[in-house]
Amino acid sequence: MSLQDVTDGSDSLKSKQVPRSLIPALFRFEGGGSLKDRLLTALYVLVGALVLSLIAMYVPYGGLVCVAWAAAVTAMSVFEVVRLFARSTETLHYRPVVGVVMFSILILPGLAATYSAVRCVMGAAIDLRVLYAALLVSGQCVLLGQVLSGRQKLEDASHHAQRWAPSFLLLGLCAPQLIVIAGSAHGVNVLWWIAGVVALNDAAAYFAGRAFGKHKMAPGLSPNKSLEGSVAGLVAGTLSGVFLWSVLLGDCASGYQVALIAMAMVVAAQGGDLTKSYLKRLRGVKDTGALFPGHGGVLDRFDAMIAAAPVVVVAFSFLGLL
């Protein structure tokens, strides 16, 4: 065998190995929050969501999987926020007692919503009285905590309100509505509809903002967001909402009703995103967590769906679909 034959054989072996090595590289995270990391995370989340959806739709009482997902999103989001703020205002040292107390307060409506959603999946009529009671108790506890925090110094009460009031609105009030939706008769389809609307809103806002954004939307909260991107997201979210409704939910509502609901959802989703940005800037961090490469934590990934959920619950209640 000549040297050239050996070389040719080696080159041939390398040429066969290169494509194989490229496959793992394509699906490997780079780190640093790159666009590739964001796209890979979205792909993995999408695949996982499809698997859970098939289980929820075709396995007896599979809706419990859907409820468990929404409850997990709520609980992990609450945990991330509590980890940010259950700290001393001077030293930033973690305060375990404050963390346990605030987690218990903020998760209470989520537990009540999970109870109601599980009963609904098991065949009982949906009953939101337990959720309403938990919301009242949780809200009153947040107010009481503010009073107790400010009994010595007014700024301590202000710090409490800055941290926990928006946290309660986003996670105590809005997040449980996502669990209620998950337990409803067409929970999987509705969740996919919400996810599609907010995802296309986010994508349109991102790319339009990069291409045409000149006027800052809320530079104090999120300096990269622009009014142009917000308008593009509103248009894309509304149009996609009408289309996806016809695909996923049929003709149970008129076109203009669906358009209004989708538009309100997009406004709420953008507001939820800014609320999350406010919480992060208040603490001085880039992300609420690090579970999803390129996206951050659970709240970073699902804040828009959480904020949009109450709009859907209210609209479906008026339409008689819940």
Protein backbone atom coordinates (compact mmCIF):
# COMPACT_ATOMS: atom_id res chain seq x y z
CA MET A 1 0.00 0.00 0.00
CA SER A 2 1.40 3.38 -0.96
CA LEU A 3 1.64 6.44 1.28
CA GLN A 4 -0.94 8.15 -0.90
CA ASP A 5 -3.42 5.34 -0.26
CA VAL A 6 -2.93 5.73 3.49
CA THR A 7 -3.41 9.46 3.20
CA ASP A 8 -6.51 9.10 1.05
CA GLY A 9 -7.93 6.61 3.49
CA SER A 10 -7.23 8.96 6.41
CA ASP A 11 -8.87 11.87 4.60
CA SER A 12 -11.86 9.70 3.79
CA LEU A 13 -12.17 8.69 7.45
CA LYS A 14 -12.02 12.31 8.54
CA SER A 15 -14.61 13.32 6.00
CA LYS A 16 -16.96 10.68 7.40
CA GLN A 17 -16.33 11.76 10.99
CA VAL A 18 -16.85 15.51 10.47
CA PRO A 19 -20.62 15.36 9.86
CA ARG A 20 -21.02 13.15 12.93
CA SER A 21 -19.16 15.64 15.10
CA LEU A 22 -21.19 18.50 13.71
CA ILE A 23 -24.49 17.07 14.98
CA PRO A 24 -23.68 17.32 18.72
CA ALA A 25 -22.08 20.72 18.13
CA LEU A 26 -25.26 22.07 16.58
CA PHE A 27 -27.24 21.14 19.68
CA ARG A 28 -24.67 22.23 22.27
CA PHE A 29 -25.11 25.47 24.23
CA GLU A 30 -22.38 28.08 23.77
CA GLY A 31 -23.01 30.05 26.95
CA GLY A 32 -23.18 33.79 27.38
CA GLY A 33 -26.79 34.15 26.28
CA SER A 34 -26.13 33.96 22.54
CA LEU A 35 -28.87 33.81 19.92
CA LYS A 36 -28.02 30.15 19.34
CA ASP A 37 -28.61 29.42 23.03
CA ARG A 38 -31.96 31.20 22.87
CA LEU A 39 -33.05 29.23 19.80
CA LEU A 40 -31.88 25.90 21.23
CA THR A 41 -33.70 26.54 24.49
CA ALA A 42 -36.85 27.43 22.58
CA LEU A 43 -36.50 24.20 20.57
CA TYR A 44 -36.07 22.02 23.66
CA VAL A 45 -38.97 23.73 25.43
CA LEU A 46 -41.14 23.26 22.34
CA VAL A 47 -40.35 19.53 22.12
CA GLY A 48 -41.06 19.07 25.82
CA ALA A 49 -44.32 21.00 25.51
CA LEU A 50 -45.42 18.82 22.59
CA VAL A 51 -44.76 15.64 24.57
CA LEU A 52 -46.68 16.93 27.60
CA SER A 53 -49.53 18.07 25.35
CA LEU A 54 -49.89 14.63 23.77
CA ILE A 55 -50.01 13.07 27.23
CA ALA A 56 -52.56 15.62 28.40
CA MET A 57 -54.83 15.05 25.39
CA TYR A 58 -54.68 11.28 24.94
CA VAL A 59 -54.02 9.78 28.39
CA PRO A 60 -56.95 9.42 30.82
CA TYR A 61 -56.88 12.36 33.24
CA GLY A 62 -53.87 13.61 31.32
CA GLY A 63 -55.02 17.13 32.07
CA LEU A 64 -53.37 16.66 35.45
CA VAL A 65 -50.02 16.87 33.61
CA CYS A 66 -51.06 20.25 32.23
CA VAL A 67 -52.06 21.44 35.70
CA ALA A 68 -48.80 20.16 37.16
CA TRP A 69 -46.82 22.11 34.54
CA ALA A 70 -48.64 25.37 35.30
CA ALA A 71 -48.30 24.80 39.05
CA ALA A 72 -44.56 24.14 38.64
CA VAL A 73 -44.11 27.33 36.59
CA THR A 74 -45.90 29.27 39.33
CA ALA A 75 -43.94 27.72 42.20
CA MET A 76 -40.54 28.13 40.53
CA SER A 77 -41.31 31.73 39.56
CA VAL A 78 -42.25 32.50 43.16
CA PHE A 79 -39.05 30.83 44.35
CA GLU A 80 -36.93 32.92 41.98
CA VAL A 81 -38.47 36.19 43.15
CA VAL A 82 -38.22 35.25 46.83
CA ARG A 83 -34.57 34.35 46.32
CA LEU A 84 -34.02 37.83 44.87
CA PHE A 85 -35.69 39.83 47.61
CA ALA A 86 -35.63 37.89 50.89
CA ARG A 87 -32.44 39.72 51.80
CA SER A 88 -31.25 42.49 54.05
CA THR A 89 -31.49 45.89 52.35
CA GLU A 90 -28.05 46.87 53.69
CA THR A 91 -25.92 43.71 53.52
CA LEU A 92 -27.95 41.71 50.95
CA HIS A 93 -27.47 38.64 53.15
CA TYR A 94 -30.22 36.09 52.67
CA ARG A 95 -32.85 36.00 55.44
CA PRO A 96 -34.28 32.45 55.56
CA VAL A 97 -37.26 33.26 57.78
CA VAL A 98 -38.36 36.09 55.50
CA GLY A 99 -37.88 33.79 52.52
CA VAL A 100 -40.08 31.04 53.95
CA VAL A 101 -42.79 33.48 55.03
CA MET A 102 -42.95 35.34 51.73
CA PHE A 103 -42.85 32.14 49.69
CA SER A 104 -45.79 30.80 51.71
CA ILE A 105 -47.75 34.02 51.21
CA LEU A 106 -47.14 34.27 47.46
CA ILE A 107 -47.69 30.56 46.73
CA LEU A 108 -50.99 30.34 48.62
CA PRO A 109 -53.20 31.44 45.66
CA GLY A 110 -51.30 29.05 43.41
CA LEU A 111 -52.06 26.15 45.76
CA ALA A 112 -55.74 27.11 45.81
CA ALA A 113 -55.81 27.34 42.01
CA THR A 114 -54.16 23.92 41.75
CA TYR A 115 -56.81 22.42 44.02
CA SER A 116 -59.60 23.92 41.90
CA ALA A 117 -57.96 22.85 38.62
CA VAL A 118 -57.41 19.27 39.78
CA ARG A 119 -61.05 18.99 40.82
CA CYS A 120 -62.07 20.30 37.40
CA VAL A 121 -59.91 17.73 35.59
CA MET A 122 -61.43 14.98 37.73
CA GLY A 123 -64.91 15.94 36.59
CA ALA A 124 -66.17 18.47 39.13
CA ALA A 125 -67.52 21.86 38.06
CA ILE A 126 -64.93 24.61 38.33
CA ASP A 127 -65.18 26.45 41.66
CA LEU A 128 -63.05 29.55 42.11
CA ARG A 129 -64.21 30.46 45.62
CA VAL A 130 -61.17 28.84 47.23
CA LEU A 131 -58.89 30.81 44.89
CA TYR A 132 -60.64 34.09 45.66
CA ALA A 133 -60.33 33.44 49.39
CA ALA A 134 -56.62 32.65 49.03
CA LEU A 135 -56.08 35.83 47.00
CA LEU A 136 -57.68 37.91 49.75
CA VAL A 137 -55.60 36.27 52.47
CA SER A 138 -52.37 36.57 50.48
CA GLY A 139 -53.01 40.23 49.63
CA GLN A 140 -53.83 41.10 53.21
CA CYS A 141 -50.63 39.39 54.38
CA VAL A 142 -48.56 41.48 51.96
CA LEU A 143 -50.19 44.64 53.32
CA LEU A 144 -49.66 43.50 56.90
CA GLY A 145 -46.01 42.81 56.13
CA GLN A 146 -45.61 46.36 54.86
CA VAL A 147 -47.07 47.75 58.09
CA LEU A 148 -44.81 45.58 60.23
CA SER A 149 -41.75 46.45 58.15
CA GLY A 150 -42.35 50.19 58.55
CA ARG A 151 -43.04 50.26 62.26
CA GLN A 152 -39.55 51.66 62.93
CA LYS A 153 -38.48 53.35 59.68
CA LEU A 154 -40.61 54.55 56.78
CA GLU A 155 -38.04 53.53 54.17
CA ASP A 156 -38.34 49.89 55.31
CA ALA A 157 -42.04 49.98 54.45
CA SER A 158 -41.17 51.52 51.10
CA HIS A 159 -38.65 48.77 50.40
CA HIS A 160 -41.27 46.14 51.27
CA ALA A 161 -43.81 47.69 48.90
CA GLN A 162 -41.27 48.05 46.08
CA ARG A 163 -40.38 44.38 46.28
CA TRP A 164 -43.48 42.48 47.25
CA ALA A 165 -46.45 44.46 45.89
CA PRO A 166 -45.57 43.91 42.19
CA SER A 167 -44.46 40.37 43.05
CA PHE A 168 -47.90 39.67 44.48
CA LEU A 169 -49.66 41.17 41.47
CA LEU A 170 -47.60 39.13 39.00
CA LEU A 171 -47.24 35.85 40.90
CA GLY A 172 -50.00 35.87 43.49
CA LEU A 173 -52.75 37.26 41.26
CA CYS A 174 -51.79 36.46 37.64
CA ALA A 175 -49.89 33.15 37.84
CA PRO A 176 -52.75 31.19 39.49
CA GLN A 177 -54.96 32.08 36.53
CA LEU A 178 -52.56 30.08 34.34
CA ILE A 179 -53.28 27.06 36.54
CA VAL A 180 -57.03 27.64 36.23
CA ILE A 181 -56.71 27.68 32.44
CA ALA A 182 -54.63 24.48 32.51
CA GLY A 183 -57.42 22.68 34.36
CA SER A 184 -60.25 23.86 32.08
CA ALA A 185 -61.94 21.66 29.48
CA HIS A 186 -59.75 22.82 26.58
CA GLY A 187 -56.76 23.80 28.69
CA VAL A 188 -54.07 22.41 26.36
CA ASN A 189 -55.46 24.23 23.32
CA VAL A 190 -55.89 27.49 25.20
CA LEU A 191 -52.36 27.33 26.60
CA TRP A 192 -50.97 26.74 23.11
CA TRP A 193 -53.00 29.69 21.88
CA ILE A 194 -51.61 31.95 24.61
CA ALA A 195 -48.08 30.68 24.00
CA GLY A 196 -48.36 31.28 20.26
CA VAL A 197 -49.69 34.82 20.65
CA VAL A 198 -47.10 35.94 23.19
CA ALA A 199 -44.23 34.21 21.33
CA LEU A 200 -45.05 35.91 18.03
CA ASN A 201 -45.52 39.20 19.84
CA ASP A 202 -42.09 38.78 21.42
CA ALA A 203 -40.42 37.77 18.14
CA ALA A 204 -41.97 40.62 16.18
CA ALA A 205 -41.07 43.15 18.88
CA TYR A 206 -37.49 41.87 19.02
CA PHE A 207 -36.75 41.89 15.29
CA ALA A 208 -38.71 45.07 14.54
CA GLY A 209 -37.01 46.82 17.43
CA ARG A 210 -33.58 45.83 16.17
CA ALA A 211 -34.41 46.93 12.62
CA PHE A 212 -36.48 50.06 13.16
CA GLY A 213 -36.42 50.90 16.86
CA LYS A 214 -35.59 54.57 17.51
CA HIS A 215 -37.92 55.61 20.32
CA LYS A 216 -37.33 54.00 23.70
CA MET A 217 -40.42 52.49 25.28
CA ALA A 218 -39.34 52.38 28.93
CA PRO A 219 -35.60 53.12 29.21
CA GLY A 220 -35.71 53.11 32.99
CA LEU A 221 -36.98 49.53 33.05
CA SER A 222 -35.76 47.94 29.81
CA PRO A 223 -33.47 50.15 27.70
CA ASN A 224 -33.53 47.81 24.68
CA LYS A 225 -37.30 47.91 24.13
CA SER A 226 -38.67 50.42 21.64
CA LEU A 227 -42.09 51.80 20.79
CA GLU A 228 -41.68 50.54 17.24
CA GLY A 229 -41.05 47.03 18.51
CA SER A 230 -44.02 47.25 20.86
CA VAL A 231 -46.37 48.27 18.04
CA ALA A 232 -45.02 45.49 15.80
CA GLY A 233 -45.58 43.00 18.60
CA LEU A 234 -49.11 44.25 19.13
CA VAL A 235 -49.98 43.87 15.44
CA ALA A 236 -48.32 40.46 15.09
CA GLY A 237 -49.85 39.17 18.32
CA THR A 238 -53.36 40.30 17.39
CA LEU A 239 -53.26 38.87 13.87
CA SER A 240 -51.71 35.60 15.01
CA GLY A 241 -54.27 35.40 17.80
CA VAL A 242 -57.15 35.45 15.31
CA PHE A 243 -55.49 32.85 13.08
CA LEU A 244 -54.40 30.50 15.89
CA TRP A 245 -57.84 30.71 17.49
CA SER A 246 -59.45 29.37 14.33
CA VAL A 247 -56.93 26.52 14.25
CA LEU A 248 -56.97 25.57 17.93
CA LEU A 249 -60.38 26.63 19.26
CA GLY A 250 -62.71 26.76 16.26
CA ASP A 251 -65.58 29.22 15.92
CA CYS A 252 -66.72 29.52 19.54
CA ALA A 253 -66.26 33.32 19.38
CA SER A 254 -66.54 35.95 16.67
CA GLY A 255 -63.51 37.39 14.90
CA TYR A 256 -63.69 40.81 16.52
CA GLN A 257 -64.04 39.27 19.99
CA VAL A 258 -60.95 37.15 19.42
CA ALA A 259 -59.04 40.16 18.08
CA LEU A 260 -59.92 42.21 21.17
CA ILE A 261 -58.91 39.40 23.50
CA ALA A 262 -55.62 38.88 21.65
CA MET A 263 -54.88 42.60 21.68
CA ALA A 264 -55.55 42.83 25.42
CA MET A 265 -53.38 39.77 25.95
CA VAL A 266 -50.46 41.34 24.10
CA VAL A 267 -50.74 44.56 26.12
CA ALA A 268 -50.83 42.52 29.35
CA ALA A 269 -47.89 40.37 28.19
CA GLN A 270 -45.76 43.43 27.43
CA GLY A 271 -46.71 44.90 30.80
CA GLY A 272 -45.73 41.66 32.52
CA ASP A 273 -42.38 41.68 30.77
CA LEU A 274 -41.72 45.23 31.97
CA THR A 275 -42.81 44.27 35.49
CA LYS A 276 -40.27 41.45 35.49
CA SER A 277 -37.64 43.89 34.20
CA TYR A 278 -38.55 46.23 37.07
CA LEU A 279 -38.03 43.47 39.62
CA LYS A 280 -34.66 42.53 38.13
CA ARG A 281 -33.43 46.12 38.01
CA LEU A 282 -34.60 46.67 41.56
CA ARG A 283 -32.30 43.83 42.60
CA GLY A 284 -29.59 44.66 40.03
CA VAL A 285 -29.48 41.29 38.24
CA LYS A 286 -29.63 40.30 34.59
CA ASP A 287 -31.90 37.26 34.99
CA THR A 288 -34.20 35.84 37.66
CA GLY A 289 -32.49 32.45 37.31
CA ALA A 290 -30.34 30.31 35.05
CA LEU A 291 -32.49 27.28 34.22
CA PHE A 292 -32.93 28.15 30.53
CA PRO A 293 -29.68 29.05 28.70
CA GLY A 294 -30.08 32.28 26.76
CA HIS A 295 -33.35 33.09 28.51
CA GLY A 296 -32.57 33.02 32.22
CA GLY A 297 -34.98 31.64 34.76
CA VAL A 298 -38.54 30.32 34.68
CA LEU A 299 -40.00 33.79 35.20
CA ASP A 300 -37.79 35.14 32.41
CA ARG A 301 -39.25 32.54 30.06
CA PHE A 302 -42.93 32.51 31.09
CA ASP A 303 -43.57 36.04 32.38
CA ALA A 304 -45.65 36.99 29.33
CA MET A 305 -47.92 33.96 29.61
CA ILE A 306 -48.35 34.60 33.34
CA ALA A 307 -49.32 38.23 32.78
CA ALA A 308 -51.69 37.38 29.91
CA ALA A 309 -53.53 34.62 31.80
CA PRO A 310 -55.99 36.88 33.73
CA VAL A 311 -57.12 38.49 30.46
CA VAL A 312 -58.03 35.05 29.13
CA VAL A 313 -59.83 34.00 32.30
CA VAL A 314 -61.93 37.18 32.40
CA ALA A 315 -62.70 37.05 28.66
CA PHE A 316 -63.61 33.35 28.75
CA SER A 317 -65.84 33.94 31.76
CA PHE A 318 -67.82 36.60 29.88
CA LEU A 319 -68.02 34.37 26.79
CA GLY A 320 -69.17 31.38 28.84
CA LEU A 321 -66.17 29.29 27.78
CA LEU A 322 -64.71 28.68 31.24
